Amino acid sequence: MAKKSLIQREKKRQKLEQKYHLIRQSLKKKIRSKVSPLSLSEKTKMREKLQSLPCNSAPTRLHRRCFL
């Protein structure tokens, strides 16, 4: 069984991931879109916005745990 502090940390990460999910998804979609030709500086600004989001809000930071 995981420590209670690890469980709380994981819950905090889940809340952050849910909070920033739409923002992260829209920024990635704008960066990848081939329909609207963005200049290099605009893409760079969007990447900087994406990097400015909290690290713990990334879905790869989540762990699969049994919370029982």
N, C-alpha and C. Protein backbone atom coordinates (compact mmCIF):
# COMPACT_ATOMS: atom_id res chain seq x y z
N MET A 1 0.84 -1.18 0.00
CA MET A 1 0.00 0.00 0.00
C MET A 1 0.89 1.24 0.00
N ALA A 2 0.46 2.23 -0.76
CA ALA A 2 1.25 3.46 -0.87
C ALA A 2 1.10 4.33 0.37
N LYS A 3 2.11 5.13 0.60
CA LYS A 3 2.05 6.07 1.71
C LYS A 3 0.92 7.07 1.46
N LYS A 4 0.40 7.62 2.54
CA LYS A 4 -0.69 8.58 2.41
C LYS A 4 -0.22 9.85 1.71
N SER A 5 1.03 10.23 1.90
CA SER A 5 1.55 11.42 1.25
C SER A 5 1.62 11.23 -0.27
N LEU A 6 1.97 10.01 -0.70
CA LEU A 6 2.01 9.72 -2.13
C LEU A 6 0.61 9.74 -2.74
N ILE A 7 -0.35 9.25 -1.99
CA ILE A 7 -1.74 9.25 -2.46
C ILE A 7 -2.24 10.68 -2.62
N GLN A 8 -1.93 11.53 -1.62
CA GLN A 8 -2.36 12.93 -1.69
C GLN A 8 -1.68 13.66 -2.85
N ARG A 9 -0.41 13.37 -3.07
CA ARG A 9 0.32 13.99 -4.17
C ARG A 9 -0.31 13.59 -5.51
N GLU A 10 -0.70 12.33 -5.61
CA GLU A 10 -1.32 11.84 -6.83
C GLU A 10 -2.68 12.49 -7.06
N LYS A 11 -3.45 12.69 -6.01
CA LYS A 11 -4.74 13.37 -6.13
C LYS A 11 -4.55 14.81 -6.59
N LYS A 12 -3.52 15.46 -6.07
CA LYS A 12 -3.22 16.84 -6.48
C LYS A 12 -2.88 16.89 -7.97
N ARG A 13 -2.11 15.92 -8.43
CA ARG A 13 -1.75 15.85 -9.85
C ARG A 13 -2.98 15.64 -10.72
N GLN A 14 -3.90 14.80 -10.24
CA GLN A 14 -5.12 14.55 -11.01
C GLN A 14 -5.96 15.81 -11.14
N LYS A 15 -6.05 16.58 -10.06
CA LYS A 15 -6.80 17.84 -10.11
C LYS A 15 -6.16 18.82 -11.08
N LEU A 16 -4.83 18.92 -11.03
CA LEU A 16 -4.13 19.82 -11.94
C LEU A 16 -4.31 19.39 -13.39
N GLU A 17 -4.26 18.09 -13.63
CA GLU A 17 -4.40 17.58 -14.99
C GLU A 17 -5.78 17.91 -15.53
N GLN A 18 -6.80 17.76 -14.71
CA GLN A 18 -8.16 18.08 -15.14
C GLN A 18 -8.33 19.58 -15.38
N LYS A 19 -7.69 20.38 -14.55
CA LYS A 19 -7.81 21.84 -14.65
C LYS A 19 -7.20 22.36 -15.95
N TYR A 20 -6.04 21.85 -16.34
CA TYR A 20 -5.31 22.35 -17.49
C TYR A 20 -5.48 21.51 -18.75
N HIS A 21 -6.34 20.51 -18.71
CA HIS A 21 -6.49 19.60 -19.84
C HIS A 21 -6.92 20.33 -21.12
N LEU A 22 -7.96 21.15 -21.02
CA LEU A 22 -8.47 21.84 -22.20
C LEU A 22 -7.47 22.85 -22.75
N ILE A 23 -6.78 23.54 -21.86
CA ILE A 23 -5.78 24.53 -22.28
C ILE A 23 -4.65 23.84 -23.02
N ARG A 24 -4.16 22.76 -22.44
CA ARG A 24 -3.06 22.01 -23.05
C ARG A 24 -3.47 21.43 -24.40
N GLN A 25 -4.68 20.90 -24.46
CA GLN A 25 -5.18 20.29 -25.69
C GLN A 25 -5.33 21.34 -26.80
N SER A 26 -5.87 22.51 -26.47
CA SER A 26 -6.07 23.54 -27.49
C SER A 26 -4.74 24.09 -28.00
N LEU A 27 -3.76 24.26 -27.10
CA LEU A 27 -2.46 24.76 -27.52
C LEU A 27 -1.77 23.75 -28.46
N LYS A 28 -1.84 22.47 -28.11
CA LYS A 28 -1.23 21.44 -28.96
C LYS A 28 -1.91 21.39 -30.33
N LYS A 29 -3.23 21.55 -30.32
CA LYS A 29 -3.97 21.52 -31.58
C LYS A 29 -3.56 22.69 -32.48
N LYS A 30 -3.39 23.87 -31.89
CA LYS A 30 -3.00 25.05 -32.67
C LYS A 30 -1.59 24.90 -33.22
N ILE A 31 -0.70 24.32 -32.44
CA ILE A 31 0.68 24.13 -32.88
C ILE A 31 0.74 23.13 -34.04
N ARG A 32 -0.03 22.06 -33.94
CA ARG A 32 0.01 21.00 -34.96
C ARG A 32 -0.78 21.31 -36.22
N SER A 33 -1.71 22.27 -36.15
CA SER A 33 -2.61 22.49 -37.28
C SER A 33 -1.84 22.92 -38.53
N LYS A 34 -2.14 22.27 -39.62
CA LYS A 34 -1.51 22.58 -40.89
C LYS A 34 -2.39 23.50 -41.72
N VAL A 35 -3.66 23.63 -41.34
CA VAL A 35 -4.61 24.44 -42.10
C VAL A 35 -4.27 25.92 -41.97
N SER A 36 -4.06 26.38 -40.75
CA SER A 36 -3.73 27.79 -40.55
C SER A 36 -2.22 27.93 -40.48
N PRO A 37 -1.63 28.52 -41.50
CA PRO A 37 -0.17 28.66 -41.49
C PRO A 37 0.28 29.71 -40.47
N LEU A 38 0.87 29.24 -39.41
CA LEU A 38 1.37 30.14 -38.37
C LEU A 38 2.84 30.44 -38.64
N SER A 39 3.19 31.64 -38.32
CA SER A 39 4.60 31.98 -38.48
C SER A 39 5.40 31.29 -37.38
N LEU A 40 6.67 31.24 -37.57
CA LEU A 40 7.55 30.56 -36.62
C LEU A 40 7.49 31.22 -35.25
N SER A 41 7.38 32.54 -35.21
CA SER A 41 7.33 33.24 -33.93
C SER A 41 6.04 32.95 -33.18
N GLU A 42 4.92 32.80 -33.91
CA GLU A 42 3.65 32.47 -33.26
C GLU A 42 3.70 31.07 -32.66
N LYS A 43 4.28 30.12 -33.39
CA LYS A 43 4.40 28.76 -32.87
C LYS A 43 5.31 28.74 -31.65
N THR A 44 6.36 29.54 -31.69
CA THR A 44 7.28 29.61 -30.56
C THR A 44 6.56 30.16 -29.33
N LYS A 45 5.72 31.16 -29.52
CA LYS A 45 4.97 31.73 -28.40
C LYS A 45 4.01 30.69 -27.82
N MET A 46 3.37 29.91 -28.68
CA MET A 46 2.45 28.88 -28.20
C MET A 46 3.20 27.79 -27.45
N ARG A 47 4.38 27.43 -27.93
CA ARG A 47 5.18 26.43 -27.23
C ARG A 47 5.61 26.95 -25.86
N GLU A 48 5.93 28.23 -25.78
CA GLU A 48 6.31 28.82 -24.49
C GLU A 48 5.13 28.80 -23.52
N LYS A 49 3.93 29.07 -24.03
CA LYS A 49 2.73 29.00 -23.19
C LYS A 49 2.52 27.58 -22.68
N LEU A 50 2.74 26.62 -23.57
CA LEU A 50 2.59 25.21 -23.20
C LEU A 50 3.60 24.83 -22.13
N GLN A 51 4.83 25.31 -22.26
CA GLN A 51 5.87 25.00 -21.29
C GLN A 51 5.66 25.73 -19.97
N SER A 52 4.91 26.84 -19.99
CA SER A 52 4.70 27.60 -18.77
C SER A 52 3.65 26.96 -17.86
N LEU A 53 2.91 25.98 -18.39
CA LEU A 53 1.94 25.27 -17.57
C LEU A 53 2.68 24.43 -16.53
N PRO A 54 2.04 24.16 -15.39
CA PRO A 54 2.72 23.36 -14.36
C PRO A 54 3.10 21.97 -14.87
N CYS A 55 4.25 21.50 -14.44
CA CYS A 55 4.73 20.17 -14.87
C CYS A 55 3.79 19.07 -14.41
N ASN A 56 3.24 19.22 -13.22
CA ASN A 56 2.37 18.18 -12.69
C ASN A 56 1.01 18.13 -13.38
N SER A 57 0.73 19.06 -14.27
CA SER A 57 -0.54 19.04 -14.99
C SER A 57 -0.45 18.18 -16.25
N ALA A 58 0.73 17.68 -16.58
CA ALA A 58 0.89 16.83 -17.74
C ALA A 58 0.35 15.43 -17.44
N PRO A 59 -0.38 14.83 -18.38
CA PRO A 59 -0.95 13.51 -18.11
C PRO A 59 0.10 12.41 -17.92
N THR A 60 1.31 12.62 -18.41
CA THR A 60 2.34 11.60 -18.24
C THR A 60 2.85 11.53 -16.81
N ARG A 61 2.57 12.54 -16.01
CA ARG A 61 3.02 12.54 -14.62
C ARG A 61 2.13 11.69 -13.71
N LEU A 62 0.97 11.30 -14.21
CA LEU A 62 0.03 10.50 -13.40
C LEU A 62 0.48 9.05 -13.35
N HIS A 63 0.22 8.41 -12.21
CA HIS A 63 0.53 7.00 -12.03
C HIS A 63 -0.78 6.25 -11.80
N ARG A 64 -0.83 5.05 -12.26
CA ARG A 64 -2.01 4.22 -12.00
C ARG A 64 -1.82 3.56 -10.65
N ARG A 65 -2.69 3.92 -9.74
CA ARG A 65 -2.60 3.39 -8.38
C ARG A 65 -3.96 2.88 -7.95
N CYS A 66 -3.95 1.92 -7.08
CA CYS A 66 -5.17 1.44 -6.45
C CYS A 66 -5.38 2.29 -5.20
N PHE A 67 -6.48 3.03 -5.15
CA PHE A 67 -6.72 3.93 -4.03
C PHE A 67 -7.54 3.28 -2.93
N LEU A 68 -7.68 1.96 -2.97
CA LEU A 68 -8.38 1.28 -1.88
C LEU A 68 -7.44 1.17 -0.77
